[in-house]
C-alpha atoms as a PDB file:
ATOM      1  CA  MET A   1     115.834 162.455 147.027  1.00  0.00           C
ATOM      2  CA  ILE A   2     115.821 163.268 150.531  1.00  0.00           C
ATOM      3  CA  GLN A   3     114.756 167.083 149.703  1.00  0.00           C
ATOM      4  CA  GLU A   4     111.832 165.661 147.817  1.00  0.00           C
ATOM      5  CA  THR A   5     110.911 163.909 150.237  1.00  0.00           C
ATOM      6  CA  ILE A   6     111.322 166.559 152.813  1.00  0.00           C
ATOM      7  CA  LYS A   7     109.262 168.930 150.878  1.00  0.00           C
ATOM      8  CA  GLN A   8     106.422 165.834 150.629  1.00  0.00           C
ATOM      9  CA  ILE A   9     106.568 165.469 154.039  1.00  0.00           C
ATOM     10  CA  GLU A  10     105.961 169.416 154.975  1.00  0.00           C
ATOM     11  CA  SER A  11     102.990 169.677 152.285  1.00  0.00           C
ATOM     12  CA  ARG A  12     101.658 167.042 154.137  1.00  0.00           C
ATOM     13  CA  ILE A  13     101.870 168.488 157.361  1.00  0.00           C
ATOM     14  CA  GLU A  14     100.705 171.897 156.008  1.00  0.00           C
ATOM     15  CA  ASN A  15      97.430 170.498 154.533  1.00  0.00           C
ATOM     16  CA  SER A  16      96.606 168.201 157.112  1.00  0.00           C
ATOM     17  CA  GLU A  17      92.975 169.059 158.634  1.00  0.00           C
ATOM     18  CA  SER A  18      93.553 166.623 161.382  1.00  0.00           C
ATOM     19  CA  LEU A  19      96.492 168.460 162.910  1.00  0.00           C
ATOM     20  CA  PRO A  20      96.105 171.773 165.507  1.00  0.00           C
ATOM     21  CA  PRO A  21      97.990 174.992 163.886  1.00  0.00           C
ATOM     22  CA  GLU A  22     100.665 174.820 166.771  1.00  0.00           C
ATOM     23  CA  ARG A  23     100.813 171.264 166.645  1.00  0.00           C
ATOM     24  CA  ARG A  24     101.231 171.768 162.484  1.00  0.00           C
ATOM     25  CA  ASN A  25     103.738 174.701 163.624  1.00  0.00           C
ATOM     26  CA  GLU A  26     105.591 172.257 165.672  1.00  0.00           C
ATOM     27  CA  LEU A  27     106.116 170.042 163.115  1.00  0.00           C
ATOM     28  CA  LEU A  28     107.541 172.238 160.751  1.00  0.00           C
ATOM     29  CA  GLY A  29     110.125 173.621 162.609  1.00  0.00           C
ATOM     30  CA  LEU A  30     111.260 170.383 163.781  1.00  0.00           C
ATOM     31  CA  LEU A  31     111.113 169.243 159.818  1.00  0.00           C
ATOM     32  CA  ALA A  32     113.292 172.185 159.072  1.00  0.00           C
ATOM     33  CA  LYS A  33     116.195 171.301 161.680  1.00  0.00           C
ATOM     34  CA  LEU A  34     115.940 167.549 160.508  1.00  0.00           C
ATOM     35  CA  GLN A  35     116.200 169.000 156.784  1.00  0.00           C
ATOM     36  CA  SER A  36     119.875 170.431 158.191  1.00  0.00           C
ATOM     37  CA  GLU A  37     120.895 167.487 160.166  1.00  0.00           C
ATOM     38  CA  THR A  38     120.167 165.062 157.315  1.00  0.00           C
ATOM     39  CA  ARG A  39     121.903 167.225 154.915  1.00  0.00           C
ATOM     40  CA  GLU A  40     125.081 166.770 157.249  1.00  0.00           C
ATOM     41  CA  LEU A  41     124.618 162.934 157.947  1.00  0.00           C
ATOM     42  CA  ALA A  42     123.872 162.476 153.657  1.00  0.00           C
ATOM     43  CA  LYS A  43     127.676 163.622 152.849  1.00  0.00           C
ATOM     44  CA  THR A  44     128.931 160.303 154.970  1.00  0.00           C
ATOM     45  CA  HIS A  45     125.926 158.301 155.344  1.00  0.00           C
ATOM     46  CA  ASN A  46     123.286 158.769 152.978  1.00  0.00           C
ATOM     47  CA  ASP A  47     121.593 155.747 152.787  1.00  0.00           C
ATOM     48  CA  GLN A  48     120.809 156.107 156.519  1.00  0.00           C
ATOM     49  CA  ALA A  49     120.112 159.588 155.960  1.00  0.00           C
ATOM     50  CA  GLN A  50     117.441 158.735 153.634  1.00  0.00           C
ATOM     51  CA  SER A  51     115.777 156.100 155.425  1.00  0.00           C
ATOM     52  CA  ILE A  52     115.686 158.311 158.696  1.00  0.00           C
ATOM     53  CA  VAL A  53     113.438 160.545 156.321  1.00  0.00           C
ATOM     54  CA  GLY A  54     111.600 157.929 154.918  1.00  0.00           C
ATOM     55  CA  PHE A  55     110.530 156.579 158.147  1.00  0.00           C
ATOM     56  CA  THR A  56     109.414 160.482 158.615  1.00  0.00           C
ATOM     57  CA  GLN A  57     107.583 160.254 156.018  1.00  0.00           C
ATOM     58  CA  ILE A  58     105.672 157.448 157.171  1.00  0.00           C
ATOM     59  CA  ALA A  59     105.027 158.453 160.471  1.00  0.00           C
ATOM     60  CA  THR A  60     103.865 161.582 159.312  1.00  0.00           C
ATOM     61  CA  HIS A  61     101.614 159.508 156.859  1.00  0.00           C
ATOM     62  CA  GLU A  62      99.920 157.583 159.659  1.00  0.00           C
ATOM     63  CA  ALA A  63      99.800 160.088 162.204  1.00  0.00           C
ATOM     64  CA  THR A  64      98.031 162.720 159.867  1.00  0.00           C
ATOM     65  CA  ARG A  65      95.534 160.181 157.988  1.00  0.00           C
ATOM     66  CA  SER A  66      91.625 161.297 158.490  1.00  0.00           C
ATOM     67  CA  GLN A  67      91.038 157.747 159.952  1.00  0.00           C
ATOM     68  CA  ARG A  68      93.957 157.197 162.094  1.00  0.00           C
ATOM     69  CA  ASP A  69      94.852 153.739 163.440  1.00  0.00           C
ATOM     70  CA  ALA A  70      97.186 153.683 166.690  1.00  0.00           C
ATOM     71  CA  ARG A  71      98.300 150.632 166.182  1.00  0.00           C
ATOM     72  CA  LEU A  72     100.235 151.995 162.696  1.00  0.00           C
ATOM     73  CA  VAL A  73     101.383 155.300 164.182  1.00  0.00           C
ATOM     74  CA  LYS A  74     103.241 153.403 167.110  1.00  0.00           C
ATOM     75  CA  LEU A  75     104.826 150.886 164.607  1.00  0.00           C
ATOM     76  CA  ALA A  76     105.741 154.134 162.186  1.00  0.00           C
ATOM     77  CA  SER A  77     107.182 155.735 165.338  1.00  0.00           C
ATOM     78  CA  GLN A  78     109.243 153.092 166.335  1.00  0.00           C
ATOM     79  CA  GLY A  79     110.839 152.710 163.067  1.00  0.00           C
ATOM     80  CA  LEU A  80     111.544 156.641 163.120  1.00  0.00           C
ATOM     81  CA  ARG A  81     113.262 156.089 166.723  1.00  0.00           C
ATOM     82  CA  GLN A  82     115.502 152.984 165.281  1.00  0.00           C
ATOM     83  CA  SER A  83     116.144 154.718 162.270  1.00  0.00           C
ATOM     84  CA  VAL A  84     118.537 157.022 164.154  1.00  0.00           C
ATOM     85  CA  GLU A  85     119.809 154.974 167.079  1.00  0.00           C
ATOM     86  CA  GLU A  86     122.937 154.052 165.634  1.00  0.00           C
ATOM     87  CA  PHE A  87     123.994 157.906 165.392  1.00  0.00           C
ATOM     88  CA  GLU A  88     122.661 158.875 168.882  1.00  0.00           C
ATOM     89  CA  ALA A  89     126.503 159.621 169.928  1.00  0.00           C
ATOM     90  CA  SER A  90     128.284 160.459 166.839  1.00  0.00           C
ATOM     91  CA  HIS A  91     125.070 163.178 165.898  1.00  0.00           C
ATOM     92  CA  PRO A  92     122.940 163.685 169.405  1.00  0.00           C
ATOM     93  CA  LYS A  93     120.966 166.307 167.598  1.00  0.00           C
ATOM     94  CA  LEU A  94     119.913 164.696 164.622  1.00  0.00           C
ATOM     95  CA  ALA A  95     118.687 161.793 167.405  1.00  0.00           C
ATOM     96  CA  GLN A  96     116.981 164.359 169.660  1.00  0.00           C
ATOM     97  CA  ILE A  97     115.067 166.163 166.605  1.00  0.00           C
ATOM     98  CA  VAL A  98     113.879 162.437 165.227  1.00  0.00           C
ATOM     99  CA  ASN A  99     112.820 161.440 168.945  1.00  0.00           C
ATOM    100  CA  THR A 100     110.866 164.932 169.542  1.00  0.00           C
ATOM    101  CA  ILE A 101     109.036 164.031 166.073  1.00  0.00           C
ATOM    102  CA  SER A 102     108.252 160.412 166.624  1.00  0.00           C
ATOM    103  CA  THR A 103     106.668 161.556 170.213  1.00  0.00           C
ATOM    104  CA  THR A 104     104.951 164.888 169.169  1.00  0.00           C
ATOM    105  CA  LEU A 105     103.250 162.678 165.954  1.00  0.00           C
ATOM    106  CA  SER A 106     102.593 160.017 168.447  1.00  0.00           C
ATOM    107  CA  ASN A 107     100.706 162.077 171.053  1.00  0.00           C
ATOM    108  CA  SER A 108      99.031 164.239 168.526  1.00  0.00           C
ATOM    109  CA  GLY A 109      95.954 163.350 169.710  1.00  0.00           C
ATOM    110  CA  ILE A 110      94.104 163.079 166.731  1.00  0.00           C
END
């Protein structure tokens, strides 16, 4: 399920006309790192890993919509950040990746 969702996010980013190429490439690189980190997390905390990927999907959707609603982008980004809070100490790399994705989506200037 996680891998399937990651592929959907990847497709949305790749097909987004509203993302500049450099932002698209940055997000795809971060998504690859997120995939690796959530794969590890899923071994011990599958539900939480699915939540993180799910919030990433929602935040990506909101940030790449043709008619972007800044309020929804902010809410989705907050949810994404909160989904990883409990893992900041045990999985700092995961937390850093998620926070970078969230910030990148929020600041995409779309």
